[in-house]
Amino acid sequence: MNSFHKLSYNSNEESSIVTILRRHNPFFKKLSFQGSLLLYQYGKVIKFPSQKIIYKEGNKGTSVYIILCGKVIIKVGGKGIIAVASVGETIGEEAILEPEHQFR
């Protein structure tokens, strides 16, 4: 038996949100509607306050974040700002690609 199942959405609201994400977010533009829906259904939207530390250097990452709005400033030790992630970009993908990866 095939382990794949047909995706369905629970409401017009869910369909509208996924359509908006696909229209305005570069990450979701790359996905099919079904792929976007799956990510939306199994993902979790988290709003971080300004200046919130998401990862600390040396900690193991456990999540991947897709930036839906705003930006994330990436600093490393005494080097200061090394990158800025903005809408459509991801941070923390090493957490699922290399589970033993530590942010250094």
Protein backbone atom coordinates (compact mmCIF):
# COMPACT_ATOMS: atom_id res chain seq x y z
CA MET A 1 0.00 0.00 0.00
CA ASN A 2 1.25 3.47 -0.88
CA SER A 3 2.21 5.52 2.18
CA PHE A 4 1.38 8.81 0.45
CA HIS A 5 -2.04 10.33 0.96
CA LYS A 6 -3.86 13.06 -0.85
CA LEU A 7 -3.42 16.37 0.89
CA SER A 8 -6.52 18.27 1.71
CA TYR A 9 -6.98 21.51 3.51
CA ASN A 10 -9.39 22.12 6.33
CA SER A 11 -10.70 25.50 5.34
CA ASN A 12 -10.72 28.32 2.86
CA GLU A 13 -8.63 30.25 5.39
CA GLU A 14 -5.83 27.67 5.23
CA SER A 15 -5.95 27.72 1.43
CA SER A 16 -5.82 31.54 1.41
CA ILE A 17 -2.83 31.63 3.77
CA VAL A 18 -0.89 29.14 1.64
CA THR A 19 -1.75 31.11 -1.51
CA ILE A 20 -0.47 34.32 0.10
CA LEU A 21 2.73 32.60 1.28
CA ARG A 22 3.36 31.27 -2.24
CA ARG A 23 2.75 34.70 -3.75
CA HIS A 24 4.91 36.75 -1.39
CA ASN A 25 7.56 34.49 0.14
CA PRO A 26 10.50 33.38 -2.04
CA PHE A 27 10.87 30.08 -0.17
CA PHE A 28 7.24 29.08 -0.73
CA LYS A 29 7.33 30.24 -4.38
CA LYS A 30 9.70 27.35 -5.07
CA LEU A 31 7.21 24.78 -3.78
CA SER A 32 4.05 23.41 -5.31
CA PHE A 33 0.76 24.29 -3.65
CA GLN A 34 0.66 20.80 -2.10
CA GLY A 35 4.23 21.13 -0.82
CA SER A 36 3.46 24.54 0.66
CA LEU A 37 0.29 23.20 2.26
CA LEU A 38 2.15 20.28 3.80
CA LEU A 39 4.83 22.55 5.23
CA TYR A 40 2.17 24.93 6.56
CA GLN A 41 0.16 22.09 8.14
CA TYR A 42 3.14 20.44 9.84
CA GLY A 43 5.09 23.60 10.61
CA LYS A 44 4.57 26.06 13.40
CA VAL A 45 4.45 29.83 13.10
CA ILE A 46 6.48 31.49 15.83
CA LYS A 47 6.73 35.24 16.35
CA PHE A 48 9.95 36.32 18.01
CA PRO A 49 10.21 39.70 19.72
CA SER A 50 12.87 42.10 18.48
CA GLN A 51 16.36 41.29 19.82
CA LYS A 52 15.35 37.72 20.77
CA ILE A 53 18.21 35.21 20.66
CA ILE A 54 17.12 32.16 18.67
CA TYR A 55 20.36 30.16 18.81
CA LYS A 56 23.45 30.61 20.95
CA GLU A 57 26.89 29.72 19.72
CA GLY A 58 27.81 26.16 20.73
CA ASN A 59 24.21 24.97 21.18
CA LYS A 60 22.85 22.16 19.05
CA GLY A 61 20.17 23.32 16.64
CA THR A 62 16.88 21.44 16.64
CA SER A 63 14.72 23.49 14.27
CA VAL A 64 14.72 25.05 10.85
CA TYR A 65 13.22 28.52 10.55
CA ILE A 66 11.81 30.08 7.39
CA ILE A 67 11.72 33.84 7.66
CA LEU A 68 8.15 34.91 6.84
CA CYS A 69 8.61 38.59 7.66
CA GLY A 70 11.31 40.79 9.13
CA LYS A 71 14.94 39.75 9.33
CA VAL A 72 17.34 37.79 11.51
CA ILE A 73 20.78 39.12 12.29
CA ILE A 74 23.42 36.42 12.61
CA LYS A 75 26.36 37.14 14.91
CA VAL A 76 29.26 34.88 15.80
CA GLY A 77 31.43 35.41 18.86
CA GLY A 78 33.67 38.43 18.63
CA LYS A 79 33.16 38.69 14.84
CA GLY A 80 29.95 40.70 15.14
CA ILE A 81 27.35 40.49 12.37
CA ILE A 82 28.31 37.89 9.77
CA ALA A 83 25.01 37.68 7.88
CA VAL A 84 21.43 38.89 7.72
CA ALA A 85 18.61 36.50 6.79
CA SER A 86 15.45 38.07 5.42
CA VAL A 87 12.07 37.06 4.02
CA GLY A 88 12.15 33.70 2.25
CA GLU A 89 15.51 32.65 3.63
CA THR A 90 16.11 29.87 6.14
CA ILE A 91 18.26 29.52 9.21
CA GLY A 92 19.08 26.35 11.14
CA GLU A 93 18.85 23.95 8.22
CA GLU A 94 21.96 22.24 9.54
CA ALA A 95 19.77 20.92 12.38
CA ILE A 96 17.97 18.55 10.02
CA LEU A 97 20.82 17.92 7.58
CA GLU A 98 23.46 17.20 10.24
CA PRO A 99 21.78 16.49 13.61
CA GLU A 100 25.12 16.56 15.44
CA HIS A 101 25.92 20.04 14.07
CA GLN A 102 26.71 22.69 16.63
CA PHE A 103 26.49 26.38 15.86
CA ARG A 104 30.03 27.71 16.18
